[in-house]
Amino acid sequence: MANTNILNKVFRFYVDGFHNMTVGRVLWTVILIKLAVIFLILKLFFFPDVLEQKAKGGNQADYVARELIDR
């Protein structure tokens, strides 16, 4: 029972802190936008799925095994 009370206090502490933020909300918005740019846009344009391009027809396992043996 004491463990639940401590977890409840910690949860309420963070909830109250986020509700009382003014500048922090803008900063969190900027952080989330930057993460979206990094993980979504950069991945689409700069990191193509090379395995899908090299291993045609769903033979990814065979392609990887062949590359490991040949190298």
N, C-alpha and C. Protein backbone atom coordinates (compact mmCIF):
# COMPACT_ATOMS: atom_id res chain seq x y z
N MET A 1 0.82 -1.19 0.00
CA MET A 1 0.00 0.00 0.00
C MET A 1 0.87 1.25 0.00
N ALA A 2 1.98 1.21 0.70
CA ALA A 2 2.87 2.37 0.73
C ALA A 2 3.51 2.60 -0.63
N ASN A 3 3.77 1.52 -1.36
CA ASN A 3 4.37 1.62 -2.68
C ASN A 3 3.43 2.35 -3.64
N THR A 4 2.15 2.06 -3.59
CA THR A 4 1.16 2.71 -4.44
C THR A 4 1.07 4.19 -4.10
N ASN A 5 1.17 4.52 -2.82
CA ASN A 5 1.10 5.92 -2.39
C ASN A 5 2.29 6.70 -2.94
N ILE A 6 3.47 6.12 -2.92
CA ILE A 6 4.67 6.78 -3.44
C ILE A 6 4.55 6.98 -4.95
N LEU A 7 4.10 5.96 -5.66
CA LEU A 7 3.92 6.08 -7.11
C LEU A 7 2.88 7.14 -7.44
N ASN A 8 1.82 7.21 -6.66
CA ASN A 8 0.79 8.21 -6.87
C ASN A 8 1.36 9.62 -6.65
N LYS A 9 2.18 9.79 -5.62
CA LYS A 9 2.78 11.10 -5.35
C LYS A 9 3.72 11.52 -6.48
N VAL A 10 4.51 10.58 -6.99
CA VAL A 10 5.43 10.88 -8.08
C VAL A 10 4.64 11.25 -9.34
N PHE A 11 3.61 10.50 -9.63
CA PHE A 11 2.78 10.79 -10.80
C PHE A 11 2.13 12.16 -10.68
N ARG A 12 1.56 12.47 -9.54
CA ARG A 12 0.91 13.78 -9.34
C ARG A 12 1.93 14.91 -9.44
N PHE A 13 3.16 14.68 -8.96
CA PHE A 13 4.21 15.68 -9.04
C PHE A 13 4.49 16.06 -10.50
N TYR A 14 4.63 15.08 -11.36
CA TYR A 14 4.90 15.36 -12.77
C TYR A 14 3.69 15.95 -13.48
N VAL A 15 2.51 15.47 -13.17
CA VAL A 15 1.30 16.01 -13.80
C VAL A 15 1.14 17.48 -13.42
N ASP A 16 1.30 17.82 -12.16
CA ASP A 16 1.19 19.22 -11.74
C ASP A 16 2.28 20.07 -12.38
N GLY A 17 3.47 19.53 -12.52
CA GLY A 17 4.55 20.27 -13.15
C GLY A 17 4.27 20.58 -14.61
N PHE A 18 3.72 19.61 -15.34
CA PHE A 18 3.41 19.85 -16.75
C PHE A 18 2.23 20.80 -16.92
N HIS A 19 1.30 20.78 -15.99
CA HIS A 19 0.15 21.70 -16.09
C HIS A 19 0.58 23.14 -15.84
N ASN A 20 1.58 23.36 -15.01
CA ASN A 20 1.99 24.71 -14.66
C ASN A 20 3.07 25.27 -15.58
N MET A 21 3.45 24.55 -16.62
CA MET A 21 4.48 25.02 -17.53
C MET A 21 3.96 26.14 -18.42
N THR A 22 4.84 27.10 -18.72
CA THR A 22 4.50 28.13 -19.70
C THR A 22 5.48 28.06 -20.87
N VAL A 23 6.75 28.29 -20.60
CA VAL A 23 7.77 28.23 -21.65
C VAL A 23 8.05 26.78 -22.03
N GLY A 24 7.91 25.89 -21.11
CA GLY A 24 8.20 24.49 -21.34
C GLY A 24 7.36 23.85 -22.42
N ARG A 25 6.13 24.30 -22.55
CA ARG A 25 5.26 23.72 -23.58
C ARG A 25 5.79 24.03 -24.98
N VAL A 26 6.27 25.24 -25.16
CA VAL A 26 6.84 25.62 -26.45
C VAL A 26 8.10 24.81 -26.71
N LEU A 27 8.93 24.63 -25.70
CA LEU A 27 10.15 23.86 -25.86
C LEU A 27 9.85 22.39 -26.19
N TRP A 28 8.86 21.80 -25.51
CA TRP A 28 8.48 20.43 -25.81
C TRP A 28 7.93 20.31 -27.22
N THR A 29 7.20 21.32 -27.68
CA THR A 29 6.69 21.31 -29.05
C THR A 29 7.83 21.34 -30.05
N VAL A 30 8.83 22.18 -29.80
CA VAL A 30 10.00 22.24 -30.69
C VAL A 30 10.74 20.92 -30.69
N ILE A 31 10.90 20.32 -29.53
CA ILE A 31 11.59 19.02 -29.43
C ILE A 31 10.84 17.95 -30.22
N LEU A 32 9.53 17.89 -30.09
CA LEU A 32 8.75 16.88 -30.80
C LEU A 32 8.79 17.09 -32.31
N ILE A 33 8.77 18.34 -32.75
CA ILE A 33 8.88 18.62 -34.19
C ILE A 33 10.24 18.20 -34.72
N LYS A 34 11.30 18.50 -33.97
CA LYS A 34 12.64 18.10 -34.40
C LYS A 34 12.77 16.58 -34.46
N LEU A 35 12.21 15.87 -33.49
CA LEU A 35 12.27 14.41 -33.52
C LEU A 35 11.50 13.85 -34.71
N ALA A 36 10.37 14.46 -35.03
CA ALA A 36 9.60 14.01 -36.19
C ALA A 36 10.41 14.21 -37.46
N VAL A 37 11.09 15.33 -37.58
CA VAL A 37 11.91 15.59 -38.76
C VAL A 37 13.04 14.58 -38.84
N ILE A 38 13.71 14.35 -37.74
CA ILE A 38 14.85 13.44 -37.74
C ILE A 38 14.42 12.02 -38.11
N PHE A 39 13.39 11.50 -37.44
CA PHE A 39 13.05 10.10 -37.62
C PHE A 39 12.17 9.82 -38.83
N LEU A 40 11.35 10.76 -39.22
CA LEU A 40 10.45 10.49 -40.35
C LEU A 40 11.02 10.96 -41.67
N ILE A 41 11.37 12.20 -41.76
CA ILE A 41 11.78 12.76 -43.04
C ILE A 41 13.17 12.30 -43.44
N LEU A 42 14.13 12.37 -42.53
CA LEU A 42 15.49 11.95 -42.88
C LEU A 42 15.55 10.47 -43.20
N LYS A 43 14.79 9.65 -42.48
CA LYS A 43 14.80 8.22 -42.77
C LYS A 43 14.25 7.94 -44.16
N LEU A 44 13.22 8.64 -44.55
CA LEU A 44 12.63 8.39 -45.86
C LEU A 44 13.56 8.75 -47.00
N PHE A 45 14.30 9.86 -46.87
CA PHE A 45 15.10 10.35 -47.99
C PHE A 45 16.55 9.87 -47.98
N PHE A 46 17.14 9.67 -46.82
CA PHE A 46 18.56 9.36 -46.77
C PHE A 46 18.89 7.93 -46.40
N PHE A 47 17.92 7.16 -45.93
CA PHE A 47 18.18 5.78 -45.54
C PHE A 47 17.19 4.85 -46.23
N PRO A 48 17.41 4.58 -47.51
CA PRO A 48 16.49 3.69 -48.22
C PRO A 48 16.64 2.25 -47.73
N ASP A 49 15.65 1.45 -48.01
CA ASP A 49 15.67 0.05 -47.61
C ASP A 49 16.52 -0.75 -48.59
N VAL A 50 17.81 -0.83 -48.29
CA VAL A 50 18.77 -1.47 -49.19
C VAL A 50 18.50 -2.96 -49.29
N LEU A 51 18.13 -3.58 -48.20
CA LEU A 51 17.87 -5.02 -48.21
C LEU A 51 16.71 -5.35 -49.14
N GLU A 52 15.69 -4.53 -49.13
CA GLU A 52 14.56 -4.77 -50.03
C GLU A 52 14.95 -4.60 -51.49
N GLN A 53 15.86 -3.67 -51.77
CA GLN A 53 16.30 -3.44 -53.14
C GLN A 53 17.21 -4.56 -53.64
N LYS A 54 18.08 -5.04 -52.78
CA LYS A 54 19.06 -6.07 -53.18
C LYS A 54 18.44 -7.46 -53.22
N ALA A 55 17.56 -7.78 -52.29
CA ALA A 55 16.97 -9.12 -52.21
C ALA A 55 15.58 -9.07 -52.79
N LYS A 56 15.47 -9.38 -54.05
CA LYS A 56 14.18 -9.36 -54.73
C LYS A 56 13.36 -10.59 -54.39
N GLY A 57 12.08 -10.45 -54.32
CA GLY A 57 11.19 -11.59 -54.13
C GLY A 57 11.11 -12.12 -52.72
N GLY A 58 11.48 -11.35 -51.72
CA GLY A 58 11.36 -11.78 -50.33
C GLY A 58 12.42 -12.75 -49.87
N ASN A 59 13.57 -12.76 -50.52
CA ASN A 59 14.65 -13.66 -50.13
C ASN A 59 15.69 -12.92 -49.29
N GLN A 60 15.25 -12.18 -48.30
CA GLN A 60 16.19 -11.40 -47.49
C GLN A 60 17.14 -12.29 -46.71
N ALA A 61 16.64 -13.37 -46.16
CA ALA A 61 17.48 -14.26 -45.36
C ALA A 61 18.57 -14.90 -46.21
N ASP A 62 18.22 -15.32 -47.41
CA ASP A 62 19.21 -15.91 -48.31
C ASP A 62 20.26 -14.89 -48.72
N TYR A 63 19.83 -13.68 -49.01
CA TYR A 63 20.76 -12.62 -49.40
C TYR A 63 21.75 -12.31 -48.28
N VAL A 64 21.25 -12.19 -47.06
CA VAL A 64 22.13 -11.89 -45.92
C VAL A 64 23.10 -13.05 -45.69
N ALA A 65 22.61 -14.27 -45.75
CA ALA A 65 23.49 -15.43 -45.56
C ALA A 65 24.57 -15.47 -46.64
N ARG A 66 24.21 -15.21 -47.88
CA ARG A 66 25.16 -15.21 -48.99
C ARG A 66 26.22 -14.11 -48.79
N GLU A 67 25.78 -12.95 -48.38
CA GLU A 67 26.73 -11.85 -48.15
C GLU A 67 27.67 -12.15 -47.00
N LEU A 68 27.18 -12.77 -45.96
CA LEU A 68 28.04 -13.12 -44.82
C LEU A 68 29.08 -14.18 -45.21
N ILE A 69 28.68 -15.13 -46.01
CA ILE A 69 29.61 -16.20 -46.41
C ILE A 69 30.63 -15.69 -47.42
N ASP A 70 30.17 -14.90 -48.40
CA ASP A 70 31.07 -14.42 -49.45
C ASP A 70 32.08 -13.41 -48.94
N ARG A 71 31.75 -12.66 -47.94
CA ARG A 71 32.69 -11.67 -47.44
C ARG A 71 33.61 -12.33 -46.46
